[in-house]
Amino acid sequence: MSERESELQERREEQVRKRAAELLKSGNVGGILALRRIQDHVVPCLFSEIDDLASLDISTRYAVAGVAERLLRMAGEDRLGIVARGCGERHLIELAKKKSIDITRIEIIGLACTESEARECHCVKPYPGRVDAGESIGDVDFADHEALASLLEMNISERRRFWTEIFNRCIKCFGCRNSCPLCNCDDCRLEEARWVRVGEIPPEYPSFHLIRAVHLADKCIGCTVCERACPMGIPLSKLHQLIRQDMKRLFGYEAGLSVDEKSPLLTDLDKGPLEVTTGEL
């Protein structure tokens, strides 16, 4: 990390701590969910005392929305402050759409990502709706177009061979599912023998990863946490990015932008077909 980046991180951390202290002092929240540095590692933490905020850390990314969901269940009627980057806020929005959380009980402390952080995740919206710490660099285009283009240039046989070889690395550790805040179903189809054979490594292609991809088609916000959690280096974010592009092309829909914007896949086919925004199917 350069000296300039280090100074910027310290400034953003102080801005986050200041806002968190204001919320705790006001009594509007029962605690602040953020990351805490403990020696040489960082963990999610619920801060309830202002003096403890000195250990608050923003040096890394962690999908705290799943932790927030569990905390809100346990917190009675208390409101919760959450330090969230743009991807974290979009996670919370999608959880609110699924009725997994009550977003009115959340006070977001918005943390804008730096350009280098956005590039690392190929993020195109590296900022939350309201920025309390850092400065928004606005919408950008850090998507990995070269890798996607090479996939799209393949014919069907080449694509099947590519993904079969890629998914043969899978050890079925469930790291992709467990790290994703939006994979929060009480009963997971990936654990049912009728869909995914039990005890097989790698799991049969394409059932395991394509079931998960289809399930997240209208929910994935492109945080890349699944890919970062994969110990086998499977490029899961590329698969999900292709699906998100199809969702936008066919339905004009992007996940995580607004609680009021409902998924176009939530429809009753008995009453009418899915409506697409283009004739290009």
C-alpha atoms as a PDB file:
ATOM      1  CA  MET A   1       0.000   0.000   0.000  1.00  0.00           C
ATOM      2  CA  SER A   2       1.394   3.419  -0.991  1.00  0.00           C
ATOM      3  CA  GLU A   3       1.759   6.270   1.484  1.00  0.00           C
ATOM      4  CA  ARG A   4      -1.142   8.105  -0.171  1.00  0.00           C
ATOM      5  CA  GLU A   5      -3.395   5.033   0.019  1.00  0.00           C
ATOM      6  CA  SER A   6      -2.444   4.539   3.663  1.00  0.00           C
ATOM      7  CA  GLU A   7      -3.353   8.144   4.488  1.00  0.00           C
ATOM      8  CA  LEU A   8      -6.653   7.792   2.622  1.00  0.00           C
ATOM      9  CA  GLN A   9      -7.503   4.631   4.542  1.00  0.00           C
ATOM     10  CA  GLU A  10      -6.764   6.311   7.873  1.00  0.00           C
ATOM     11  CA  ARG A  11      -8.947   9.270   6.924  1.00  0.00           C
ATOM     12  CA  ARG A  12     -11.833   7.017   5.906  1.00  0.00           C
ATOM     13  CA  GLU A  13     -11.497   5.011   9.106  1.00  0.00           C
ATOM     14  CA  GLU A  14     -11.696   8.162  11.198  1.00  0.00           C
ATOM     15  CA  GLN A  15     -14.796   9.278   9.280  1.00  0.00           C
ATOM     16  CA  VAL A  16     -16.437   5.886   9.902  1.00  0.00           C
ATOM     17  CA  ARG A  17     -15.539   5.968  13.609  1.00  0.00           C
ATOM     18  CA  LYS A  18     -16.866   9.499  13.966  1.00  0.00           C
ATOM     19  CA  ARG A  19     -20.227   8.599  12.399  1.00  0.00           C
ATOM     20  CA  ALA A  20     -20.426   5.373  14.421  1.00  0.00           C
ATOM     21  CA  ALA A  21     -19.751   7.291  17.643  1.00  0.00           C
ATOM     22  CA  GLU A  22     -22.492   9.785  16.769  1.00  0.00           C
ATOM     23  CA  LEU A  23     -25.014   6.974  16.279  1.00  0.00           C
ATOM     24  CA  LEU A  24     -24.082   5.217  19.508  1.00  0.00           C
ATOM     25  CA  LYS A  25     -24.187   8.477  21.451  1.00  0.00           C
ATOM     26  CA  SER A  26     -27.622   9.340  20.025  1.00  0.00           C
ATOM     27  CA  GLY A  27     -29.096   6.040  21.198  1.00  0.00           C
ATOM     28  CA  ASN A  28     -30.730   5.530  17.782  1.00  0.00           C
ATOM     29  CA  VAL A  29     -29.004   2.160  17.366  1.00  0.00           C
ATOM     30  CA  GLY A  30     -28.240  -0.649  19.781  1.00  0.00           C
ATOM     31  CA  GLY A  31     -24.838  -1.290  18.220  1.00  0.00           C
ATOM     32  CA  ILE A  32     -22.615  -0.837  15.171  1.00  0.00           C
ATOM     33  CA  LEU A  33     -21.792  -3.838  12.989  1.00  0.00           C
ATOM     34  CA  ALA A  34     -18.359  -3.384  11.432  1.00  0.00           C
ATOM     35  CA  LEU A  35     -14.994  -5.113  11.123  1.00  0.00           C
ATOM     36  CA  ARG A  36     -12.578  -5.208  14.037  1.00  0.00           C
ATOM     37  CA  ARG A  37      -8.846  -5.825  13.964  1.00  0.00           C
ATOM     38  CA  ILE A  38      -7.609  -8.375  16.462  1.00  0.00           C
ATOM     39  CA  GLN A  39      -3.830  -8.698  16.217  1.00  0.00           C
ATOM     40  CA  ASP A  40      -3.121  -9.867  12.650  1.00  0.00           C
ATOM     41  CA  HIS A  41      -6.667 -10.610  11.449  1.00  0.00           C
ATOM     42  CA  VAL A  42     -10.036  -8.911  11.009  1.00  0.00           C
ATOM     43  CA  VAL A  43     -13.426 -10.220  12.172  1.00  0.00           C
ATOM     44  CA  PRO A  44     -17.031  -8.925  12.188  1.00  0.00           C
ATOM     45  CA  CYS A  45     -17.880  -7.238  15.477  1.00  0.00           C
ATOM     46  CA  LEU A  46     -20.882  -5.585  17.111  1.00  0.00           C
ATOM     47  CA  PHE A  47     -19.587  -2.390  18.719  1.00  0.00           C
ATOM     48  CA  SER A  48     -21.702  -1.122  21.606  1.00  0.00           C
ATOM     49  CA  GLU A  49     -19.192   1.156  23.364  1.00  0.00           C
ATOM     50  CA  ILE A  50     -17.677   4.284  21.827  1.00  0.00           C
ATOM     51  CA  ASP A  51     -14.246   3.553  23.328  1.00  0.00           C
ATOM     52  CA  ASP A  52     -14.113   0.226  21.487  1.00  0.00           C
ATOM     53  CA  LEU A  53     -14.348   1.928  18.089  1.00  0.00           C
ATOM     54  CA  ALA A  54     -10.577   2.471  18.102  1.00  0.00           C
ATOM     55  CA  SER A  55     -10.206  -1.113  16.837  1.00  0.00           C
ATOM     56  CA  LEU A  56     -12.695  -0.642  13.973  1.00  0.00           C
ATOM     57  CA  ASP A  57     -11.028  -1.561  10.675  1.00  0.00           C
ATOM     58  CA  ILE A  58     -11.855  -0.986   6.995  1.00  0.00           C
ATOM     59  CA  SER A  59      -8.713  -2.459   5.432  1.00  0.00           C
ATOM     60  CA  THR A  60     -10.513  -5.436   3.933  1.00  0.00           C
ATOM     61  CA  ARG A  61     -13.920  -6.465   2.624  1.00  0.00           C
ATOM     62  CA  TYR A  62     -16.334  -8.846   4.320  1.00  0.00           C
ATOM     63  CA  ALA A  63     -19.952  -9.637   3.480  1.00  0.00           C
ATOM     64  CA  VAL A  64     -21.487  -8.464   6.768  1.00  0.00           C
ATOM     65  CA  ALA A  65     -25.105  -8.568   5.539  1.00  0.00           C
ATOM     66  CA  GLY A  66     -25.460 -12.222   6.522  1.00  0.00           C
ATOM     67  CA  VAL A  67     -24.243 -11.398  10.033  1.00  0.00           C
ATOM     68  CA  ALA A  68     -26.666  -8.442  10.133  1.00  0.00           C
ATOM     69  CA  GLU A  69     -29.575 -10.742   9.282  1.00  0.00           C
ATOM     70  CA  ARG A  70     -28.811 -12.987  12.264  1.00  0.00           C
ATOM     71  CA  LEU A  71     -28.194 -10.060  14.635  1.00  0.00           C
ATOM     72  CA  LEU A  72     -31.494  -8.396  13.737  1.00  0.00           C
ATOM     73  CA  ARG A  73     -33.343 -11.617  14.565  1.00  0.00           C
ATOM     74  CA  MET A  74     -31.744 -11.617  18.006  1.00  0.00           C
ATOM     75  CA  ALA A  75     -31.987  -7.884  18.719  1.00  0.00           C
ATOM     76  CA  GLY A  76     -35.706  -7.600  19.452  1.00  0.00           C
ATOM     77  CA  GLU A  77     -36.817  -4.154  18.300  1.00  0.00           C
ATOM     78  CA  ASP A  78     -33.364  -2.533  18.449  1.00  0.00           C
ATOM     79  CA  ARG A  79     -32.021  -0.775  15.375  1.00  0.00           C
ATOM     80  CA  LEU A  80     -28.584  -1.616  14.036  1.00  0.00           C
ATOM     81  CA  GLY A  81     -25.870   0.562  12.519  1.00  0.00           C
ATOM     82  CA  ILE A  82     -23.923  -1.143   9.734  1.00  0.00           C
ATOM     83  CA  VAL A  83     -20.717  -0.029   8.025  1.00  0.00           C
ATOM     84  CA  ALA A  84     -21.413  -0.910   4.390  1.00  0.00           C
ATOM     85  CA  ARG A  85     -19.676  -0.430   1.085  1.00  0.00           C
ATOM     86  CA  GLY A  86     -21.746  -0.260  -2.095  1.00  0.00           C
ATOM     87  CA  CYS A  87     -21.883  -4.053  -2.403  1.00  0.00           C
ATOM     88  CA  GLY A  88     -22.861  -4.386   1.264  1.00  0.00           C
ATOM     89  CA  GLU A  89     -25.755  -1.980   0.836  1.00  0.00           C
ATOM     90  CA  ARG A  90     -26.952  -3.890  -2.228  1.00  0.00           C
ATOM     91  CA  HIS A  91     -26.797  -7.124  -0.226  1.00  0.00           C
ATOM     92  CA  LEU A  92     -29.057  -5.555   2.393  1.00  0.00           C
ATOM     93  CA  ILE A  93     -31.488  -4.325  -0.263  1.00  0.00           C
ATOM     94  CA  GLU A  94     -31.816  -7.830  -1.719  1.00  0.00           C
ATOM     95  CA  LEU A  95     -32.298  -9.348   1.741  1.00  0.00           C
ATOM     96  CA  ALA A  96     -35.031  -6.778   2.375  1.00  0.00           C
ATOM     97  CA  LYS A  97     -36.756  -7.817  -0.862  1.00  0.00           C
ATOM     98  CA  LYS A  98     -36.754 -11.412   0.379  1.00  0.00           C
ATOM     99  CA  LYS A  99     -38.251 -10.240   3.702  1.00  0.00           C
ATOM    100  CA  SER A 100     -35.148 -11.633   5.432  1.00  0.00           C
ATOM    101  CA  ILE A 101     -34.495  -8.287   7.141  1.00  0.00           C
ATOM    102  CA  ASP A 102     -36.457  -5.164   8.005  1.00  0.00           C
ATOM    103  CA  ILE A 103     -34.386  -2.448   6.393  1.00  0.00           C
ATOM    104  CA  THR A 104     -36.154   0.263   8.425  1.00  0.00           C
ATOM    105  CA  ARG A 105     -34.242  -1.075  11.440  1.00  0.00           C
ATOM    106  CA  ILE A 106     -30.891  -0.373   9.776  1.00  0.00           C
ATOM    107  CA  GLU A 107     -28.785   2.784   9.765  1.00  0.00           C
ATOM    108  CA  ILE A 108     -26.106   2.475   7.086  1.00  0.00           C
ATOM    109  CA  ILE A 109     -22.713   4.125   7.516  1.00  0.00           C
ATOM    110  CA  GLY A 110     -21.774   4.413   3.852  1.00  0.00           C
ATOM    111  CA  LEU A 111     -18.162   3.671   2.915  1.00  0.00           C
ATOM    112  CA  ALA A 112     -17.039   4.531  -0.615  1.00  0.00           C
ATOM    113  CA  CYS A 113     -14.374   2.304  -2.145  1.00  0.00           C
ATOM    114  CA  THR A 114     -11.188   3.659  -3.644  1.00  0.00           C
ATOM    115  CA  GLU A 115     -10.370   3.160  -7.312  1.00  0.00           C
ATOM    116  CA  SER A 116      -7.878   0.370  -6.509  1.00  0.00           C
ATOM    117  CA  GLU A 117     -10.459  -1.440  -4.355  1.00  0.00           C
ATOM    118  CA  ALA A 118     -13.058  -1.165  -7.118  1.00  0.00           C
ATOM    119  CA  ARG A 119     -10.608  -2.494  -9.712  1.00  0.00           C
ATOM    120  CA  GLU A 120      -9.775  -5.471  -7.533  1.00  0.00           C
ATOM    121  CA  CYS A 121     -13.433  -6.561  -7.471  1.00  0.00           C
ATOM    122  CA  HIS A 122     -14.256  -5.377 -11.032  1.00  0.00           C
ATOM    123  CA  CYS A 123     -16.954  -3.268  -9.372  1.00  0.00           C
ATOM    124  CA  VAL A 124     -18.960  -0.812 -11.475  1.00  0.00           C
ATOM    125  CA  LYS A 125     -20.830   0.839  -8.578  1.00  0.00           C
ATOM    126  CA  PRO A 126     -18.215   1.094  -5.783  1.00  0.00           C
ATOM    127  CA  TYR A 127     -20.244   3.349  -3.523  1.00  0.00           C
ATOM    128  CA  PRO A 128     -23.403   3.231  -1.349  1.00  0.00           C
ATOM    129  CA  GLY A 129     -26.458   5.486  -1.740  1.00  0.00           C
ATOM    130  CA  ARG A 130     -25.131   7.889   0.889  1.00  0.00           C
ATOM    131  CA  VAL A 131     -21.413   8.288   1.458  1.00  0.00           C
ATOM    132  CA  ASP A 132     -20.287   8.972   5.028  1.00  0.00           C
ATOM    133  CA  ALA A 133     -16.628   8.045   4.579  1.00  0.00           C
ATOM    134  CA  GLY A 134     -14.377   8.511   1.571  1.00  0.00           C
ATOM    135  CA  GLU A 135     -15.398   9.980  -1.763  1.00  0.00           C
ATOM    136  CA  SER A 136     -17.518   8.333  -4.440  1.00  0.00           C
ATOM    137  CA  ILE A 137     -15.727   7.829  -7.754  1.00  0.00           C
ATOM    138  CA  GLY A 138     -19.123   7.352  -9.426  1.00  0.00           C
ATOM    139  CA  ASP A 139     -20.106   4.649 -11.874  1.00  0.00           C
ATOM    140  CA  VAL A 140     -17.035   3.126 -13.521  1.00  0.00           C
ATOM    141  CA  ASP A 141     -16.272   0.332 -15.940  1.00  0.00           C
ATOM    142  CA  PHE A 142     -13.864  -2.063 -14.274  1.00  0.00           C
ATOM    143  CA  ALA A 143     -15.637  -5.166 -15.558  1.00  0.00           C
ATOM    144  CA  ASP A 144     -13.311  -7.842 -16.921  1.00  0.00           C
ATOM    145  CA  HIS A 145     -14.510  -7.538 -20.513  1.00  0.00           C
ATOM    146  CA  GLU A 146     -11.535  -9.399 -21.994  1.00  0.00           C
ATOM    147  CA  ALA A 147     -12.261 -12.591 -20.038  1.00  0.00           C
ATOM    148  CA  LEU A 148     -15.981 -12.352 -20.786  1.00  0.00           C
ATOM    149  CA  ALA A 149     -15.353 -11.745 -24.484  1.00  0.00           C
ATOM    150  CA  SER A 150     -13.192 -14.867 -24.722  1.00  0.00           C
ATOM    151  CA  LEU A 151     -16.029 -16.912 -23.202  1.00  0.00           C
ATOM    152  CA  LEU A 152     -18.653 -15.445 -25.519  1.00  0.00           C
ATOM    153  CA  GLU A 153     -16.504 -16.171 -28.577  1.00  0.00           C
ATOM    154  CA  MET A 154     -16.588 -19.899 -27.807  1.00  0.00           C
ATOM    155  CA  ASN A 155     -19.119 -22.118 -29.512  1.00  0.00           C
ATOM    156  CA  ILE A 156     -21.436 -24.328 -27.435  1.00  0.00           C
ATOM    157  CA  SER A 157     -19.084 -27.326 -27.435  1.00  0.00           C
ATOM    158  CA  GLU A 158     -16.116 -25.187 -26.415  1.00  0.00           C
ATOM    159  CA  ARG A 159     -18.080 -23.550 -23.610  1.00  0.00           C
ATOM    160  CA  ARG A 160     -19.242 -26.906 -22.259  1.00  0.00           C
ATOM    161  CA  ARG A 161     -15.699 -28.242 -22.344  1.00  0.00           C
ATOM    162  CA  PHE A 162     -14.387 -25.068 -20.635  1.00  0.00           C
ATOM    163  CA  TRP A 163     -16.917 -25.109 -17.793  1.00  0.00           C
ATOM    164  CA  THR A 164     -16.675 -28.888 -17.353  1.00  0.00           C
ATOM    165  CA  GLU A 165     -12.906 -28.614 -16.859  1.00  0.00           C
ATOM    166  CA  ILE A 166     -13.354 -25.621 -14.530  1.00  0.00           C
ATOM    167  CA  PHE A 167     -16.024 -27.231 -12.367  1.00  0.00           C
ATOM    168  CA  ASN A 168     -14.051 -30.484 -12.153  1.00  0.00           C
ATOM    169  CA  ARG A 169     -11.844 -28.590  -9.702  1.00  0.00           C
ATOM    170  CA  CYS A 170     -14.764 -28.270  -7.266  1.00  0.00           C
ATOM    171  CA  ILE A 171     -14.330 -30.047  -3.922  1.00  0.00           C
ATOM    172  CA  LYS A 172     -17.902 -29.231  -2.835  1.00  0.00           C
ATOM    173  CA  CYS A 173     -16.758 -27.333   0.254  1.00  0.00           C
ATOM    174  CA  PHE A 174     -19.828 -25.048   0.040  1.00  0.00           C
ATOM    175  CA  GLY A 175     -17.538 -22.022   0.462  1.00  0.00           C
ATOM    176  CA  CYS A 176     -19.312 -20.166  -2.361  1.00  0.00           C
ATOM    177  CA  ARG A 177     -22.719 -20.746  -0.794  1.00  0.00           C
ATOM    178  CA  ASN A 178     -21.681 -20.123   2.791  1.00  0.00           C
ATOM    179  CA  SER A 179     -19.905 -16.849   2.008  1.00  0.00           C
ATOM    180  CA  CYS A 180     -22.815 -15.386   0.023  1.00  0.00           C
ATOM    181  CA  PRO A 181     -25.308 -13.377   2.145  1.00  0.00           C
ATOM    182  CA  LEU A 182     -28.015 -14.026  -0.443  1.00  0.00           C
ATOM    183  CA  CYS A 183     -27.702 -17.834  -0.228  1.00  0.00           C
ATOM    184  CA  ASN A 184     -29.830 -17.887   2.913  1.00  0.00           C
ATOM    185  CA  CYS A 185     -32.585 -20.412   2.232  1.00  0.00           C
ATOM    186  CA  ASP A 186     -33.609 -22.526   5.226  1.00  0.00           C
ATOM    187  CA  ASP A 187     -33.617 -25.638   3.020  1.00  0.00           C
ATOM    188  CA  CYS A 188     -30.801 -25.643   0.464  1.00  0.00           C
ATOM    189  CA  ARG A 189     -31.401 -27.590  -2.737  1.00  0.00           C
ATOM    190  CA  LEU A 190     -27.642 -28.159  -3.015  1.00  0.00           C
ATOM    191  CA  GLU A 191     -27.894 -30.529  -0.045  1.00  0.00           C
ATOM    192  CA  GLU A 192     -30.749 -32.605  -1.500  1.00  0.00           C
ATOM    193  CA  ALA A 193     -29.701 -35.922  -3.027  1.00  0.00           C
ATOM    194  CA  ARG A 194     -32.360 -35.689  -5.746  1.00  0.00           C
ATOM    195  CA  TRP A 195     -30.633 -32.592  -7.171  1.00  0.00           C
ATOM    196  CA  VAL A 196     -26.974 -33.086  -6.213  1.00  0.00           C
ATOM    197  CA  ARG A 197     -25.590 -36.562  -5.573  1.00  0.00           C
ATOM    198  CA  VAL A 198     -24.316 -36.942  -2.024  1.00  0.00           C
ATOM    199  CA  GLY A 199     -20.673 -37.924  -1.476  1.00  0.00           C
ATOM    200  CA  GLU A 200     -19.455 -37.151  -5.020  1.00  0.00           C
ATOM    201  CA  ILE A 201     -16.398 -34.932  -5.545  1.00  0.00           C
ATOM    202  CA  PRO A 202     -16.367 -33.132  -7.853  1.00  0.00           C
ATOM    203  CA  PRO A 203     -20.156 -32.796  -7.954  1.00  0.00           C
ATOM    204  CA  GLU A 204     -21.844 -33.854 -11.135  1.00  0.00           C
ATOM    205  CA  TYR A 205     -21.685 -31.148 -13.799  1.00  0.00           C
ATOM    206  CA  PRO A 206     -23.725 -29.044 -14.283  1.00  0.00           C
ATOM    207  CA  SER A 207     -26.143 -29.578 -11.385  1.00  0.00           C
ATOM    208  CA  PHE A 208     -24.335 -28.044  -8.380  1.00  0.00           C
ATOM    209  CA  HIS A 209     -23.078 -24.738  -9.754  1.00  0.00           C
ATOM    210  CA  LEU A 210     -25.845 -24.137 -12.278  1.00  0.00           C
ATOM    211  CA  ILE A 211     -28.586 -24.694  -9.678  1.00  0.00           C
ATOM    212  CA  ARG A 212     -26.921 -22.054  -7.536  1.00  0.00           C
ATOM    213  CA  ALA A 213     -26.386 -19.710 -10.499  1.00  0.00           C
ATOM    214  CA  VAL A 214     -30.031 -19.912 -11.588  1.00  0.00           C
ATOM    215  CA  HIS A 215     -31.204 -19.399  -7.998  1.00  0.00           C
ATOM    216  CA  LEU A 216     -29.139 -16.194  -7.804  1.00  0.00           C
ATOM    217  CA  ALA A 217     -29.961 -14.963 -11.317  1.00  0.00           C
ATOM    218  CA  ASP A 218     -32.140 -12.090 -10.058  1.00  0.00           C
ATOM    219  CA  LYS A 219     -30.266 -11.551  -6.767  1.00  0.00           C
ATOM    220  CA  CYS A 220     -26.511 -11.530  -7.477  1.00  0.00           C
ATOM    221  CA  ILE A 221     -25.052  -8.030  -7.112  1.00  0.00           C
ATOM    222  CA  GLY A 222     -21.550  -8.899  -8.338  1.00  0.00           C
ATOM    223  CA  CYS A 223     -19.584  -8.635  -5.093  1.00  0.00           C
ATOM    224  CA  THR A 224     -17.259 -11.553  -6.101  1.00  0.00           C
ATOM    225  CA  VAL A 225     -17.253 -12.878  -2.521  1.00  0.00           C
ATOM    226  CA  CYS A 226     -18.045 -16.399  -3.781  1.00  0.00           C
ATOM    227  CA  GLU A 227     -15.013 -16.423  -6.058  1.00  0.00           C
ATOM    228  CA  ARG A 228     -12.752 -15.053  -3.316  1.00  0.00           C
ATOM    229  CA  ALA A 229     -13.980 -17.778  -0.962  1.00  0.00           C
ATOM    230  CA  CYS A 230     -13.315 -20.606  -3.439  1.00  0.00           C
ATOM    231  CA  PRO A 231     -10.125 -22.510  -2.515  1.00  0.00           C
ATOM    232  CA  MET A 232      -9.903 -23.980  -6.033  1.00  0.00           C
ATOM    233  CA  GLY A 233      -9.863 -20.688  -7.972  1.00  0.00           C
ATOM    234  CA  ILE A 234     -13.094 -21.325  -9.898  1.00  0.00           C
ATOM    235  CA  PRO A 235     -14.049 -18.088 -11.764  1.00  0.00           C
ATOM    236  CA  LEU A 236     -17.595 -17.987 -10.391  1.00  0.00           C
ATOM    237  CA  SER A 237     -17.900 -14.225 -10.823  1.00  0.00           C
ATOM    238  CA  LYS A 238     -17.631 -14.635 -14.623  1.00  0.00           C
ATOM    239  CA  LEU A 239     -20.551 -17.056 -14.686  1.00  0.00           C
ATOM    240  CA  HIS A 240     -22.689 -14.750 -12.550  1.00  0.00           C
ATOM    241  CA  GLN A 241     -21.660 -11.677 -14.547  1.00  0.00           C
ATOM    242  CA  LEU A 242     -22.859 -13.277 -17.774  1.00  0.00           C
ATOM    243  CA  ILE A 243     -26.202 -14.048 -16.137  1.00  0.00           C
ATOM    244  CA  ARG A 244     -26.511 -10.489 -14.751  1.00  0.00           C
ATOM    245  CA  GLN A 245     -25.870  -9.132 -18.238  1.00  0.00           C
ATOM    246  CA  ASP A 246     -28.672 -11.313 -19.620  1.00  0.00           C
ATOM    247  CA  MET A 247     -31.020 -10.101 -16.862  1.00  0.00           C
ATOM    248  CA  LYS A 248     -30.290  -6.507 -17.842  1.00  0.00           C
ATOM    249  CA  ARG A 249     -30.527  -7.196 -21.586  1.00  0.00           C
ATOM    250  CA  LEU A 250     -33.752  -9.186 -21.435  1.00  0.00           C
ATOM    251  CA  PHE A 251     -35.602  -7.462 -18.595  1.00  0.00           C
ATOM    252  CA  GLY A 252     -33.818  -4.142 -18.016  1.00  0.00           C
ATOM    253  CA  TYR A 253     -33.261  -5.281 -14.424  1.00  0.00           C
ATOM    254  CA  GLU A 254     -30.327  -4.928 -12.012  1.00  0.00           C
ATOM    255  CA  ALA A 255     -30.319  -6.450  -8.543  1.00  0.00           C
ATOM    256  CA  GLY A 256     -29.655  -4.409  -5.422  1.00  0.00           C
ATOM    257  CA  LEU A 257     -30.633  -0.936  -6.636  1.00  0.00           C
ATOM    258  CA  SER A 258     -33.962  -0.423  -4.862  1.00  0.00           C
ATOM    259  CA  VAL A 259     -36.117  -2.291  -2.365  1.00  0.00           C
ATOM    260  CA  ASP A 260     -39.183  -1.255  -4.376  1.00  0.00           C
ATOM    261  CA  GLU A 261     -37.877  -2.696  -7.663  1.00  0.00           C
ATOM    262  CA  LYS A 262     -39.198  -6.245  -7.794  1.00  0.00           C
ATOM    263  CA  SER A 263     -37.586  -9.082  -9.686  1.00  0.00           C
ATOM    264  CA  PRO A 264     -39.071  -9.715 -13.154  1.00  0.00           C
ATOM    265  CA  LEU A 265     -38.753 -13.454 -12.440  1.00  0.00           C
ATOM    266  CA  LEU A 266     -41.361 -13.239  -9.681  1.00  0.00           C
ATOM    267  CA  THR A 267     -44.423 -13.891 -11.793  1.00  0.00           C
ATOM    268  CA  ASP A 268     -47.354 -16.254 -12.056  1.00  0.00           C
ATOM    269  CA  LEU A 269     -47.044 -17.966 -15.424  1.00  0.00           C
ATOM    270  CA  ASP A 270     -50.714 -18.987 -15.207  1.00  0.00           C
ATOM    271  CA  LYS A 271     -51.661 -15.320 -15.513  1.00  0.00           C
ATOM    272  CA  GLY A 272     -49.242 -14.374 -18.253  1.00  0.00           C
ATOM    273  CA  PRO A 273     -45.739 -14.910 -19.670  1.00  0.00           C
ATOM    274  CA  LEU A 274     -42.594 -13.134 -18.552  1.00  0.00           C
ATOM    275  CA  GLU A 275     -42.281  -9.698 -20.099  1.00  0.00           C
ATOM    276  CA  VAL A 276     -38.935  -8.879 -21.678  1.00  0.00           C
ATOM    277  CA  THR A 277     -37.692  -5.490 -22.805  1.00  0.00           C
ATOM    278  CA  THR A 278     -36.218  -6.778 -26.021  1.00  0.00           C
ATOM    279  CA  GLY A 279     -37.095  -9.252 -28.744  1.00  0.00           C
ATOM    280  CA  GLU A 280     -33.574 -10.617 -28.609  1.00  0.00           C
ATOM    281  CA  LEU A 281     -33.998 -13.957 -26.818  1.00  0.00           C
END
